[in-house]
C-alpha atoms as a PDB file:
ATOM      1  CA  MET A   1     164.451 -62.157 197.520  1.00  0.00           C
ATOM      2  CA  LYS A   2     162.846 -58.999 198.937  1.00  0.00           C
ATOM      3  CA  THR A   3     161.888 -57.929 195.437  1.00  0.00           C
ATOM      4  CA  PHE A   4     160.252 -61.336 194.802  1.00  0.00           C
ATOM      5  CA  LEU A   5     158.254 -61.098 198.036  1.00  0.00           C
ATOM      6  CA  LYS A   6     157.052 -57.604 197.117  1.00  0.00           C
ATOM      7  CA  LEU A   7     155.903 -58.836 193.679  1.00  0.00           C
ATOM      8  CA  PHE A   8     154.153 -61.814 195.314  1.00  0.00           C
ATOM      9  CA  ALA A   9     152.316 -59.517 197.746  1.00  0.00           C
ATOM     10  CA  ILE A  10     151.216 -57.257 194.914  1.00  0.00           C
ATOM     11  CA  ALA A  11     149.951 -60.245 192.914  1.00  0.00           C
ATOM     12  CA  ALA A  12     148.033 -61.565 195.927  1.00  0.00           C
ATOM     13  CA  ALA A  13     146.462 -58.173 196.480  1.00  0.00           C
ATOM     14  CA  PHE A  14     145.144 -58.094 192.919  1.00  0.00           C
ATOM     15  CA  GLY A  15     143.997 -61.721 192.892  1.00  0.00           C
ATOM     16  CA  MET A  16     146.740 -62.986 190.598  1.00  0.00           C
ATOM     17  CA  ALA A  17     148.351 -65.401 193.048  1.00  0.00           C
ATOM     18  CA  PRO A  18     148.153 -69.147 192.242  1.00  0.00           C
ATOM     19  CA  ALA A  19     145.178 -71.018 193.609  1.00  0.00           C
ATOM     20  CA  ALA A  20     147.474 -73.547 195.356  1.00  0.00           C
ATOM     21  CA  THR A  21     148.906 -70.809 197.533  1.00  0.00           C
ATOM     22  CA  PHE A  22     145.426 -69.916 198.960  1.00  0.00           C
ATOM     23  CA  ALA A  23     144.471 -73.544 199.387  1.00  0.00           C
ATOM     24  CA  ALA A  24     146.968 -73.878 202.181  1.00  0.00           C
ATOM     25  CA  ALA A  25     145.864 -70.684 203.887  1.00  0.00           C
ATOM     26  CA  PRO A  26     143.360 -70.942 206.757  1.00  0.00           C
ATOM     27  CA  PRO A  27     139.767 -70.133 205.814  1.00  0.00           C
ATOM     28  CA  ALA A  28     138.610 -66.584 206.422  1.00  0.00           C
ATOM     29  CA  PRO A  29     136.011 -66.056 209.156  1.00  0.00           C
ATOM     30  CA  ALA A  30     132.418 -65.795 207.967  1.00  0.00           C
ATOM     31  CA  PRO A  31     131.056 -62.248 207.806  1.00  0.00           C
ATOM     32  CA  ALA A  32     128.668 -61.204 210.539  1.00  0.00           C
ATOM     33  CA  PRO A  33     124.991 -61.305 209.537  1.00  0.00           C
ATOM     34  CA  ALA A  34     123.531 -57.963 208.520  1.00  0.00           C
ATOM     35  CA  PRO A  35     120.977 -56.493 210.931  1.00  0.00           C
ATOM     36  CA  ALA A  36     117.339 -56.800 209.947  1.00  0.00           C
ATOM     37  CA  ALA A  37     115.922 -53.800 208.196  1.00  0.00           C
ATOM     38  CA  THR A  38     113.435 -51.711 210.109  1.00  0.00           C
ATOM     39  CA  ALA A  39     110.664 -49.398 209.045  1.00  0.00           C
ATOM     40  CA  ALA A  40     113.213 -46.567 208.800  1.00  0.00           C
ATOM     41  CA  ALA A  41     115.155 -48.335 206.028  1.00  0.00           C
ATOM     42  CA  PRO A  42     115.503 -46.491 202.725  1.00  0.00           C
ATOM     43  CA  ALA A  43     112.292 -46.622 200.747  1.00  0.00           C
ATOM     44  CA  GLY A  44     113.971 -47.550 197.492  1.00  0.00           C
ATOM     45  CA  ASN A  45     115.743 -50.654 198.796  1.00  0.00           C
ATOM     46  CA  GLU A  46     114.098 -53.439 196.821  1.00  0.00           C
ATOM     47  CA  ALA A  47     116.593 -56.100 197.912  1.00  0.00           C
ATOM     48  CA  ALA A  48     115.499 -55.976 201.554  1.00  0.00           C
ATOM     49  CA  PRO A  49     115.688 -59.287 203.442  1.00  0.00           C
ATOM     50  CA  ALA A  50     112.553 -61.347 203.953  1.00  0.00           C
ATOM     51  CA  ALA A  51     112.617 -60.625 207.701  1.00  0.00           C
ATOM     52  CA  ALA A  52     111.879 -56.952 206.944  1.00  0.00           C
ATOM     53  CA  ALA A  53     108.387 -57.764 205.643  1.00  0.00           C
ATOM     54  CA  LEU A  54     105.631 -57.257 208.179  1.00  0.00           C
ATOM     55  CA  PRO A  55     103.967 -60.542 209.240  1.00  0.00           C
ATOM     56  CA  ARG A  56     100.443 -61.230 208.031  1.00  0.00           C
ATOM     57  CA  THR A  57      97.618 -61.003 210.535  1.00  0.00           C
ATOM     58  CA  ALA A  58      96.035 -64.372 211.231  1.00  0.00           C
ATOM     59  CA  PRO A  59      92.237 -64.464 210.754  1.00  0.00           C
ATOM     60  CA  THR A  60      89.931 -65.105 213.700  1.00  0.00           C
ATOM     61  CA  PRO A  61      87.480 -68.001 213.219  1.00  0.00           C
ATOM     62  CA  GLY A  62      83.918 -66.742 212.951  1.00  0.00           C
ATOM     63  CA  VAL A  63      84.957 -63.109 212.414  1.00  0.00           C
ATOM     64  CA  GLY A  64      84.792 -61.641 208.938  1.00  0.00           C
ATOM     65  CA  GLN A  65      84.166 -64.990 207.243  1.00  0.00           C
ATOM     66  CA  PRO A  66      81.282 -67.459 206.809  1.00  0.00           C
ATOM     67  CA  ASP A  67      80.943 -69.961 209.652  1.00  0.00           C
ATOM     68  CA  GLY A  68      77.785 -71.864 208.714  1.00  0.00           C
ATOM     69  CA  ARG A  69      75.284 -69.736 210.620  1.00  0.00           C
ATOM     70  CA  LEU A  70      71.792 -69.045 209.254  1.00  0.00           C
ATOM     71  CA  GLY A  71      71.807 -65.317 209.945  1.00  0.00           C
ATOM     72  CA  LEU A  72      74.041 -62.479 208.857  1.00  0.00           C
ATOM     73  CA  GLN A  73      77.679 -62.114 209.833  1.00  0.00           C
ATOM     74  CA  ASP A  74      78.685 -60.028 212.830  1.00  0.00           C
ATOM     75  CA  GLN A  75      79.157 -56.408 211.813  1.00  0.00           C
ATOM     76  CA  PHE A  76      82.275 -54.348 212.559  1.00  0.00           C
ATOM     77  CA  SER A  77      81.383 -50.933 211.139  1.00  0.00           C
ATOM     78  CA  PRO A  78      78.870 -48.258 212.246  1.00  0.00           C
ATOM     79  CA  ILE A  79      76.739 -48.710 209.119  1.00  0.00           C
ATOM     80  CA  GLY A  80      76.824 -52.486 209.528  1.00  0.00           C
ATOM     81  CA  GLU A  81      75.742 -52.319 213.157  1.00  0.00           C
ATOM     82  CA  GLU A  82      72.832 -50.017 212.316  1.00  0.00           C
ATOM     83  CA  ALA A  83      71.774 -52.196 209.381  1.00  0.00           C
ATOM     84  CA  LEU A  84      72.017 -55.371 211.477  1.00  0.00           C
ATOM     85  CA  TRP A  85      69.822 -53.782 214.168  1.00  0.00           C
ATOM     86  CA  PHE A  86      67.280 -52.768 211.515  1.00  0.00           C
ATOM     87  CA  HIS A  87      67.265 -56.296 210.114  1.00  0.00           C
ATOM     88  CA  ASP A  88      67.070 -58.188 213.411  1.00  0.00           C
ATOM     89  CA  VAL A  89      64.840 -55.873 215.473  1.00  0.00           C
ATOM     90  CA  ILE A  90      62.378 -54.499 212.892  1.00  0.00           C
ATOM     91  CA  LEU A  91      62.327 -56.480 209.658  1.00  0.00           C
ATOM     92  CA  MET A  92      62.552 -60.059 210.908  1.00  0.00           C
ATOM     93  CA  PRO A  93      59.860 -59.772 213.661  1.00  0.00           C
ATOM     94  CA  LEU A  94      57.566 -57.863 211.304  1.00  0.00           C
ATOM     95  CA  ILE A  95      57.999 -60.384 208.500  1.00  0.00           C
ATOM     96  CA  THR A  96      57.430 -63.262 210.933  1.00  0.00           C
ATOM     97  CA  VAL A  97      54.207 -61.763 212.321  1.00  0.00           C
ATOM     98  CA  ILE A  98      52.818 -61.000 208.833  1.00  0.00           C
ATOM     99  CA  SER A  99      53.669 -64.479 207.531  1.00  0.00           C
ATOM    100  CA  LEU A 100      52.090 -66.242 210.516  1.00  0.00           C
ATOM    101  CA  PHE A 101      48.967 -64.035 210.337  1.00  0.00           C
ATOM    102  CA  VAL A 102      48.478 -64.682 206.613  1.00  0.00           C
ATOM    103  CA  LEU A 103      49.064 -68.419 207.114  1.00  0.00           C
ATOM    104  CA  ALA A 104      46.536 -68.577 209.983  1.00  0.00           C
ATOM    105  CA  LEU A 105      43.983 -66.526 208.036  1.00  0.00           C
ATOM    106  CA  LEU A 106      44.361 -68.758 204.984  1.00  0.00           C
ATOM    107  CA  ALA A 107      43.990 -71.916 207.076  1.00  0.00           C
ATOM    108  CA  TRP A 108      40.899 -70.535 208.843  1.00  0.00           C
ATOM    109  CA  VAL A 109      39.237 -69.582 205.543  1.00  0.00           C
ATOM    110  CA  MET A 110      40.021 -72.975 204.020  1.00  0.00           C
ATOM    111  CA  PHE A 111      38.524 -74.815 207.022  1.00  0.00           C
ATOM    112  CA  ARG A 112      35.591 -72.536 207.877  1.00  0.00           C
ATOM    113  CA  TYR A 113      34.309 -71.939 204.368  1.00  0.00           C
ATOM    114  CA  ARG A 114      34.975 -75.308 202.799  1.00  0.00           C
ATOM    115  CA  ARG A 115      32.440 -76.680 200.372  1.00  0.00           C
ATOM    116  CA  SER A 116      31.257 -79.498 202.605  1.00  0.00           C
ATOM    117  CA  ALA A 117      30.337 -77.007 205.373  1.00  0.00           C
ATOM    118  CA  HIS A 118      28.706 -74.415 203.057  1.00  0.00           C
ATOM    119  CA  ARG A 119      26.688 -75.914 200.265  1.00  0.00           C
ATOM    120  CA  ALA A 120      25.360 -72.486 199.271  1.00  0.00           C
ATOM    121  CA  PRO A 121      28.193 -69.935 198.831  1.00  0.00           C
ATOM    122  CA  SER A 122      27.868 -66.459 200.315  1.00  0.00           C
ATOM    123  CA  ARG A 123      26.726 -63.584 198.084  1.00  0.00           C
ATOM    124  CA  ASN A 124      28.556 -60.794 199.979  1.00  0.00           C
ATOM    125  CA  THR A 125      30.744 -58.584 197.748  1.00  0.00           C
ATOM    126  CA  HIS A 126      31.599 -55.567 199.939  1.00  0.00           C
ATOM    127  CA  ASN A 127      32.595 -54.983 203.556  1.00  0.00           C
ATOM    128  CA  THR A 128      33.475 -51.376 204.340  1.00  0.00           C
ATOM    129  CA  THR A 129      35.190 -52.088 207.658  1.00  0.00           C
ATOM    130  CA  LEU A 130      37.340 -54.842 206.200  1.00  0.00           C
ATOM    131  CA  GLU A 131      38.346 -52.682 203.200  1.00  0.00           C
ATOM    132  CA  ILE A 132      39.420 -49.824 205.480  1.00  0.00           C
ATOM    133  CA  VAL A 133      41.435 -52.192 207.661  1.00  0.00           C
ATOM    134  CA  TRP A 134      43.332 -53.864 204.830  1.00  0.00           C
ATOM    135  CA  THR A 135      44.164 -50.428 203.383  1.00  0.00           C
ATOM    136  CA  LEU A 136      45.347 -48.733 206.575  1.00  0.00           C
ATOM    137  CA  VAL A 137      47.319 -51.624 208.064  1.00  0.00           C
ATOM    138  CA  PRO A 138      49.790 -51.931 205.117  1.00  0.00           C
ATOM    139  CA  VAL A 139      50.244 -48.137 205.146  1.00  0.00           C
ATOM    140  CA  LEU A 140      51.153 -48.226 208.828  1.00  0.00           C
ATOM    141  CA  ILE A 141      53.543 -51.124 208.228  1.00  0.00           C
ATOM    142  CA  LEU A 142      55.304 -49.197 205.432  1.00  0.00           C
ATOM    143  CA  VAL A 143      55.622 -46.130 207.676  1.00  0.00           C
ATOM    144  CA  VAL A 144      57.208 -48.241 210.426  1.00  0.00           C
ATOM    145  CA  ILE A 145      59.690 -49.642 207.929  1.00  0.00           C
ATOM    146  CA  ALA A 146      60.370 -46.349 206.140  1.00  0.00           C
ATOM    147  CA  VAL A 147      61.564 -44.295 209.122  1.00  0.00           C
ATOM    148  CA  PRO A 148      64.654 -46.382 210.076  1.00  0.00           C
ATOM    149  CA  SER A 149      65.240 -47.326 206.437  1.00  0.00           C
ATOM    150  CA  ILE A 150      65.519 -43.709 205.279  1.00  0.00           C
ATOM    151  CA  ARG A 151      67.760 -42.908 208.255  1.00  0.00           C
ATOM    152  CA  LEU A 152      70.045 -45.822 207.319  1.00  0.00           C
ATOM    153  CA  LEU A 153      70.209 -44.702 203.677  1.00  0.00           C
ATOM    154  CA  ALA A 154      71.029 -41.147 204.755  1.00  0.00           C
ATOM    155  CA  HIS A 155      73.923 -42.373 206.907  1.00  0.00           C
ATOM    156  CA  GLN A 156      75.153 -44.712 204.192  1.00  0.00           C
ATOM    157  CA  TYR A 157      75.152 -42.180 201.345  1.00  0.00           C
ATOM    158  CA  SER A 158      76.321 -39.150 203.349  1.00  0.00           C
ATOM    159  CA  PRO A 159      79.828 -40.256 204.322  1.00  0.00           C
ATOM    160  CA  PRO A 160      82.073 -38.188 206.603  1.00  0.00           C
ATOM    161  CA  ALA A 161      85.406 -36.777 205.478  1.00  0.00           C
ATOM    162  CA  ALA A 162      87.675 -39.567 204.272  1.00  0.00           C
ATOM    163  CA  ASP A 163      90.913 -40.401 206.103  1.00  0.00           C
ATOM    164  CA  LEU A 164      92.081 -42.795 203.376  1.00  0.00           C
ATOM    165  CA  THR A 165      91.169 -43.167 199.704  1.00  0.00           C
ATOM    166  CA  ILE A 166      91.579 -46.470 197.850  1.00  0.00           C
ATOM    167  CA  LYS A 167      90.798 -47.089 194.195  1.00  0.00           C
ATOM    168  CA  VAL A 168      89.475 -50.607 193.576  1.00  0.00           C
ATOM    169  CA  ILE A 169      89.714 -51.961 190.010  1.00  0.00           C
ATOM    170  CA  GLY A 170      88.063 -55.217 188.974  1.00  0.00           C
ATOM    171  CA  ASN A 171      89.643 -57.420 186.318  1.00  0.00           C
ATOM    172  CA  GLN A 172      89.024 -60.897 184.930  1.00  0.00           C
ATOM    173  CA  TRP A 173      89.666 -62.383 187.408  1.00  0.00           C
ATOM    174  CA  TYR A 174      91.535 -60.481 190.106  1.00  0.00           C
ATOM    175  CA  TRP A 175      91.449 -57.172 191.967  1.00  0.00           C
ATOM    176  CA  GLU A 176      93.768 -54.173 191.915  1.00  0.00           C
ATOM    177  CA  TYR A 177      94.111 -51.751 194.821  1.00  0.00           C
ATOM    178  CA  GLU A 178      95.647 -48.299 194.400  1.00  0.00           C
ATOM    179  CA  TYR A 179      96.483 -45.911 197.236  1.00  0.00           C
ATOM    180  CA  PRO A 180      96.781 -42.633 195.284  1.00  0.00           C
ATOM    181  CA  ASP A 181      97.831 -40.573 198.317  1.00  0.00           C
ATOM    182  CA  HIS A 182     100.679 -42.957 199.221  1.00  0.00           C
ATOM    183  CA  GLY A 183     101.935 -44.281 195.867  1.00  0.00           C
ATOM    184  CA  VAL A 184     101.084 -47.946 196.575  1.00  0.00           C
ATOM    185  CA  ASN A 185      99.682 -50.320 193.929  1.00  0.00           C
ATOM    186  CA  LEU A 186      98.686 -53.926 194.663  1.00  0.00           C
ATOM    187  CA  VAL A 187      97.471 -56.825 192.520  1.00  0.00           C
ATOM    188  CA  SER A 188      95.433 -59.340 194.538  1.00  0.00           C
ATOM    189  CA  ASN A 189      94.952 -62.945 193.363  1.00  0.00           C
ATOM    190  CA  MET A 190      93.419 -65.939 195.103  1.00  0.00           C
ATOM    191  CA  MET A 191      95.874 -68.030 197.092  1.00  0.00           C
ATOM    192  CA  PRO A 192      96.171 -71.745 196.192  1.00  0.00           C
ATOM    193  CA  GLU A 193      94.341 -74.083 198.541  1.00  0.00           C
ATOM    194  CA  ASP A 194      97.465 -75.760 199.920  1.00  0.00           C
ATOM    195  CA  GLU A 195      99.054 -72.404 200.778  1.00  0.00           C
ATOM    196  CA  ALA A 196      95.817 -71.134 202.323  1.00  0.00           C
ATOM    197  CA  GLU A 197      95.518 -74.273 204.465  1.00  0.00           C
ATOM    198  CA  ALA A 198      99.140 -73.950 205.594  1.00  0.00           C
ATOM    199  CA  ALA A 199      98.540 -70.299 206.529  1.00  0.00           C
ATOM    200  CA  GLY A 200      95.343 -71.112 208.460  1.00  0.00           C
ATOM    201  CA  GLU A 201      93.078 -69.119 206.135  1.00  0.00           C
ATOM    202  CA  PRO A 202      89.697 -70.136 204.715  1.00  0.00           C
ATOM    203  CA  ARG A 203      89.556 -71.991 201.422  1.00  0.00           C
ATOM    204  CA  GLN A 204      88.913 -69.896 198.282  1.00  0.00           C
ATOM    205  CA  LEU A 205      88.902 -66.699 200.343  1.00  0.00           C
ATOM    206  CA  ALA A 206      92.618 -66.194 201.052  1.00  0.00           C
ATOM    207  CA  VAL A 207      94.572 -63.875 198.736  1.00  0.00           C
ATOM    208  CA  ASP A 208      98.248 -63.149 198.235  1.00  0.00           C
ATOM    209  CA  GLU A 209      97.855 -59.348 198.598  1.00  0.00           C
ATOM    210  CA  ARG A 210      95.348 -57.930 201.082  1.00  0.00           C
ATOM    211  CA  MET A 211      93.832 -54.484 201.229  1.00  0.00           C
ATOM    212  CA  VAL A 212      95.321 -52.989 204.411  1.00  0.00           C
ATOM    213  CA  VAL A 213      93.494 -50.168 206.242  1.00  0.00           C
ATOM    214  CA  PRO A 214      93.912 -48.608 209.702  1.00  0.00           C
ATOM    215  CA  VAL A 215      91.354 -49.291 212.397  1.00  0.00           C
ATOM    216  CA  GLY A 216      88.885 -46.480 213.073  1.00  0.00           C
ATOM    217  CA  ALA A 217      89.691 -44.628 209.833  1.00  0.00           C
ATOM    218  CA  THR A 218      87.045 -43.579 207.326  1.00  0.00           C
ATOM    219  CA  VAL A 219      88.021 -45.383 204.120  1.00  0.00           C
ATOM    220  CA  LYS A 220      86.580 -44.100 200.836  1.00  0.00           C
ATOM    221  CA  LEU A 221      86.482 -46.663 198.017  1.00  0.00           C
ATOM    222  CA  ILE A 222      86.398 -45.568 194.388  1.00  0.00           C
ATOM    223  CA  VAL A 223      85.327 -48.676 192.479  1.00  0.00           C
ATOM    224  CA  THR A 224      85.579 -49.283 188.721  1.00  0.00           C
ATOM    225  CA  SER A 225      86.393 -52.075 186.260  1.00  0.00           C
ATOM    226  CA  ASN A 226      88.674 -52.647 183.291  1.00  0.00           C
ATOM    227  CA  ASP A 227      86.631 -55.217 181.364  1.00  0.00           C
ATOM    228  CA  VAL A 228      83.175 -56.372 182.544  1.00  0.00           C
ATOM    229  CA  ILE A 229      80.853 -55.586 185.444  1.00  0.00           C
ATOM    230  CA  HIS A 230      82.143 -56.836 188.808  1.00  0.00           C
ATOM    231  CA  ALA A 231      80.883 -56.140 192.331  1.00  0.00           C
ATOM    232  CA  PHE A 232      83.054 -55.386 195.371  1.00  0.00           C
ATOM    233  CA  GLY A 233      81.557 -56.461 198.679  1.00  0.00           C
ATOM    234  CA  VAL A 234      82.612 -57.260 202.244  1.00  0.00           C
ATOM    235  CA  PRO A 235      79.666 -58.576 204.323  1.00  0.00           C
ATOM    236  CA  ALA A 236      81.229 -57.750 207.729  1.00  0.00           C
ATOM    237  CA  PHE A 237      81.329 -54.032 206.783  1.00  0.00           C
ATOM    238  CA  TRP A 238      77.878 -54.009 205.116  1.00  0.00           C
ATOM    239  CA  THR A 239      79.433 -52.668 201.917  1.00  0.00           C
ATOM    240  CA  LYS A 240      78.694 -53.787 198.374  1.00  0.00           C
ATOM    241  CA  ILE A 241      78.911 -51.794 195.148  1.00  0.00           C
ATOM    242  CA  ASP A 242      79.161 -52.566 191.446  1.00  0.00           C
ATOM    243  CA  ALA A 243      82.390 -52.064 189.490  1.00  0.00           C
ATOM    244  CA  VAL A 244      81.271 -50.804 186.071  1.00  0.00           C
ATOM    245  CA  PRO A 245      83.674 -50.142 183.172  1.00  0.00           C
ATOM    246  CA  GLY A 246      83.981 -46.438 182.426  1.00  0.00           C
ATOM    247  CA  ARG A 247      82.213 -45.394 185.648  1.00  0.00           C
ATOM    248  CA  LEU A 248      83.504 -44.457 189.112  1.00  0.00           C
ATOM    249  CA  ASN A 249      81.229 -45.630 191.930  1.00  0.00           C
ATOM    250  CA  GLU A 250      81.898 -44.593 195.507  1.00  0.00           C
ATOM    251  CA  THR A 251      81.263 -46.182 198.893  1.00  0.00           C
ATOM    252  CA  TRP A 252      82.886 -46.112 202.328  1.00  0.00           C
ATOM    253  CA  PHE A 253      83.350 -48.032 205.559  1.00  0.00           C
ATOM    254  CA  ARG A 254      84.980 -47.604 208.975  1.00  0.00           C
ATOM    255  CA  ALA A 255      86.287 -50.766 210.617  1.00  0.00           C
ATOM    256  CA  THR A 256      85.975 -50.797 214.392  1.00  0.00           C
ATOM    257  CA  ARG A 257      88.049 -53.899 215.190  1.00  0.00           C
ATOM    258  CA  PRO A 258      91.448 -55.139 213.926  1.00  0.00           C
ATOM    259  CA  GLY A 259      91.375 -58.401 212.032  1.00  0.00           C
ATOM    260  CA  VAL A 260      90.970 -59.953 208.593  1.00  0.00           C
ATOM    261  CA  TYR A 261      87.621 -59.667 206.783  1.00  0.00           C
ATOM    262  CA  TYR A 262      86.769 -61.519 203.600  1.00  0.00           C
ATOM    263  CA  GLY A 263      84.471 -60.833 200.672  1.00  0.00           C
ATOM    264  CA  VAL A 264      83.897 -61.941 197.092  1.00  0.00           C
ATOM    265  CA  CYS A 265      82.808 -60.605 193.723  1.00  0.00           C
ATOM    266  CA  TYR A 266      79.005 -60.477 193.781  1.00  0.00           C
ATOM    267  CA  GLU A 267      78.442 -60.045 190.038  1.00  0.00           C
ATOM    268  CA  LEU A 268      78.607 -62.899 187.530  1.00  0.00           C
ATOM    269  CA  CYS A 269      81.672 -61.803 185.561  1.00  0.00           C
ATOM    270  CA  GLY A 270      82.848 -64.875 183.669  1.00  0.00           C
ATOM    271  CA  ALA A 271      84.240 -68.382 183.979  1.00  0.00           C
ATOM    272  CA  ARG A 272      86.373 -67.676 187.076  1.00  0.00           C
ATOM    273  CA  HIS A 273      83.852 -65.452 188.820  1.00  0.00           C
ATOM    274  CA  GLY A 274      84.054 -67.575 191.968  1.00  0.00           C
ATOM    275  CA  TYR A 275      87.841 -67.298 192.178  1.00  0.00           C
ATOM    276  CA  MET A 276      88.414 -63.581 192.791  1.00  0.00           C
ATOM    277  CA  PRO A 277      87.976 -63.155 196.566  1.00  0.00           C
ATOM    278  CA  ILE A 278      88.603 -60.042 198.647  1.00  0.00           C
ATOM    279  CA  ALA A 279      90.559 -59.799 201.902  1.00  0.00           C
ATOM    280  CA  VAL A 280      90.708 -56.609 203.990  1.00  0.00           C
ATOM    281  CA  GLU A 281      93.254 -56.518 206.804  1.00  0.00           C
ATOM    282  CA  VAL A 282      92.505 -53.966 209.528  1.00  0.00           C
ATOM    283  CA  VAL A 283      95.567 -52.990 211.570  1.00  0.00           C
ATOM    284  CA  SER A 284      96.610 -50.295 214.004  1.00  0.00           C
ATOM    285  CA  ARG A 285      97.653 -46.896 212.707  1.00  0.00           C
ATOM    286  CA  GLU A 286     101.312 -47.481 213.610  1.00  0.00           C
ATOM    287  CA  ARG A 287     101.372 -50.804 211.773  1.00  0.00           C
ATOM    288  CA  PHE A 288      99.620 -49.230 208.799  1.00  0.00           C
ATOM    289  CA  ALA A 289     102.261 -46.472 208.624  1.00  0.00           C
ATOM    290  CA  ALA A 290     105.032 -49.107 208.630  1.00  0.00           C
ATOM    291  CA  TRP A 291     103.228 -51.103 205.932  1.00  0.00           C
ATOM    292  CA  ILE A 292     102.839 -48.010 203.757  1.00  0.00           C
ATOM    293  CA  ALA A 293     106.541 -47.175 204.140  1.00  0.00           C
ATOM    294  CA  GLU A 294     107.504 -50.699 203.123  1.00  0.00           C
ATOM    295  CA  ARG A 295     105.137 -50.996 200.153  1.00  0.00           C
ATOM    296  CA  ALA A 296     105.725 -47.474 198.878  1.00  0.00           C
ATOM    297  CA  GLY A 297     109.471 -48.161 198.786  1.00  0.00           C
ATOM    298  CA  ALA A 298     108.938 -51.409 196.895  1.00  0.00           C
ATOM    299  CA  CYS A 299     106.680 -49.673 194.364  1.00  0.00           C
ATOM    300  CA  ARG A 300     109.215 -46.884 193.830  1.00  0.00           C
ATOM    301  CA  ALA A 301     111.983 -49.431 193.325  1.00  0.00           C
ATOM    302  CA  ARG A 302     109.969 -51.245 190.648  1.00  0.00           C
ATOM    303  CA  ARG A 303     109.048 -48.030 188.881  1.00  0.00           C
ATOM    304  CA  PRO A 304     111.255 -47.303 185.822  1.00  0.00           C
ATOM    305  CA  PRO A 305     113.346 -44.121 186.022  1.00  0.00           C
ATOM    306  CA  LEU A 306     111.805 -41.062 184.537  1.00  0.00           C
ATOM    307  CA  ARG A 307     113.323 -39.850 181.312  1.00  0.00           C
ATOM    308  CA  PRO A 308     113.731 -36.149 180.680  1.00  0.00           C
ATOM    309  CA  ARG A 309     110.912 -34.858 178.590  1.00  0.00           C
ATOM    310  CA  ARG A 310     111.851 -33.472 175.252  1.00  0.00           C
ATOM    311  CA  ARG A 311     109.958 -30.677 173.734  1.00  0.00           C
ATOM    312  CA  PRO A 312     108.270 -31.970 170.612  1.00  0.00           C
ATOM    313  CA  SER A 313     109.757 -30.473 167.486  1.00  0.00           C
ATOM    314  CA  ARG A 314     107.267 -28.706 165.325  1.00  0.00           C
ATOM    315  CA  PRO A 315     106.856 -30.139 161.851  1.00  0.00           C
ATOM    316  CA  PRO A 316     108.048 -27.886 159.048  1.00  0.00           C
ATOM    317  CA  LYS A 317     105.379 -25.763 157.512  1.00  0.00           C
ATOM    318  CA  PRO A 318     104.323 -26.880 154.068  1.00  0.00           C
ATOM    319  CA  PRO A 319     105.279 -24.491 151.241  1.00  0.00           C
ATOM    320  CA  LYS A 320     102.614 -22.112 150.187  1.00  0.00           C
ATOM    321  CA  ARG A 321     100.950 -23.026 146.963  1.00  0.00           C
ATOM    322  CA  ARG A 322      99.673 -20.574 144.486  1.00  0.00           C
ATOM    323  CA  PRO A 323      95.934 -20.622 144.161  1.00  0.00           C
ATOM    324  CA  ARG A 324      94.812 -22.323 141.024  1.00  0.00           C
ATOM    325  CA  PRO A 325      92.400 -20.506 138.762  1.00  0.00           C
ATOM    326  CA  ARG A 326      88.903 -21.642 139.289  1.00  0.00           C
ATOM    327  CA  THR A 327      87.451 -23.482 136.359  1.00  0.00           C
ATOM    328  CA  SER A 328      83.727 -23.591 135.980  1.00  0.00           C
ATOM    329  CA  SER A 329      81.729 -25.870 133.748  1.00  0.00           C
ATOM    330  CA  ARG A 330      78.930 -23.362 133.556  1.00  0.00           C
ATOM    331  CA  LEU A 331      78.295 -21.466 130.334  1.00  0.00           C
ATOM    332  CA  PRO A 332      79.232 -17.795 130.365  1.00  0.00           C
ATOM    333  CA  ARG A 333      76.398 -15.557 131.273  1.00  0.00           C
ATOM    334  CA  ARG A 334      74.971 -13.507 128.418  1.00  0.00           C
ATOM    335  CA  ARG A 335      74.947  -9.813 128.837  1.00  0.00           C
ATOM    336  CA  PRO A 336      71.465  -8.366 128.817  1.00  0.00           C
ATOM    337  CA  PRO A 337      70.539  -6.458 125.626  1.00  0.00           C
ATOM    338  CA  PRO A 338      70.647  -2.678 125.877  1.00  0.00           C
ATOM    339  CA  THR A 339      67.364  -1.116 126.799  1.00  0.00           C
ATOM    340  CA  LYS A 340      65.667   1.150 124.274  1.00  0.00           C
ATOM    341  CA  LEU A 341      65.225   4.702 125.452  1.00  0.00           C
ATOM    342  CA  ARG A 342      62.327   6.875 124.681  1.00  0.00           C
ATOM    343  CA  PRO A 343      62.991   9.774 122.232  1.00  0.00           C
ATOM    344  CA  ASP A 344      62.879  12.416 124.947  1.00  0.00           C
ATOM    345  CA  LYS A 345      65.254  10.348 127.176  1.00  0.00           C
ATOM    346  CA  ALA A 346      67.557   9.674 124.199  1.00  0.00           C
ATOM    347  CA  ALA A 347      67.780  13.416 123.494  1.00  0.00           C
ATOM    348  CA  GLU A 348      68.699  14.108 127.102  1.00  0.00           C
ATOM    349  CA  ALA A 349      71.311  11.383 126.991  1.00  0.00           C
ATOM    350  CA  ARG A 350      72.922  13.001 123.917  1.00  0.00           C
END
């Protein structure tokens, strides 16, 4: 009997006991749930639970997205704030004054010098004072515009040292974002309308993968394309640049406020040109470090293992061939006839 019990215990240990025996046994307690993974989890763990993913930042209405206003969007970068000031304080008042002046002058000329009031037209062809005025006034207007405009261009095309570099690649019809210093690659597609509405994001602007940058960091963008000409632009950062195949264009921005900012492709690039939006999520530096750790681990887990490189074997040298005799189709050259010597020279030669 003891021997039978020992054999039964061994069979149960190896899973060879009858199923009816375990049916009568009480059910085993459920295992305790595993703790949620934190930012310090191993980078190569691709099977991390869904709770480990960082939550998406909810967009703020009226910030970084169109809201139906007539003017420009609010700016959240130093270049954008300077450009918005130049537009609102200098350009718009100047354009308004010039337009109203020209309209009033045209109306006055049409009323004062109409045909019914002046049967005989004037014969004047020159007015020195008027010619000097209409030459100097446009020059002064251009000088007023040029000074802040050149300063803005100098600030825009003389960027400071970059804190983060992102390569932006345009495709038909989606965007790719590469973080070369962190080993993160993203493919960003437009989110379906029902998912965007459920997430509280604007229609045809929400994407499944956002470009994530830290707040206050100088972000350098290297923009190119794989197929046709696209254009990467985010109005709230006053940044827009073409993505040209075979060319690397460069721009930069520095976001001053956390949030979600949207943009679109500004170059007509094909049938689905209007369906490749851009979403930039600006987060704190701590949150950005956690996001990089999470995404870099996922990218390393998806990357295939490296195979050891083998030194290429050199092909065997071909056997040396004997040079073939050269055959020429030309006729053999005739030897020149011997020259006749004079009698005195012939005697010396003998």
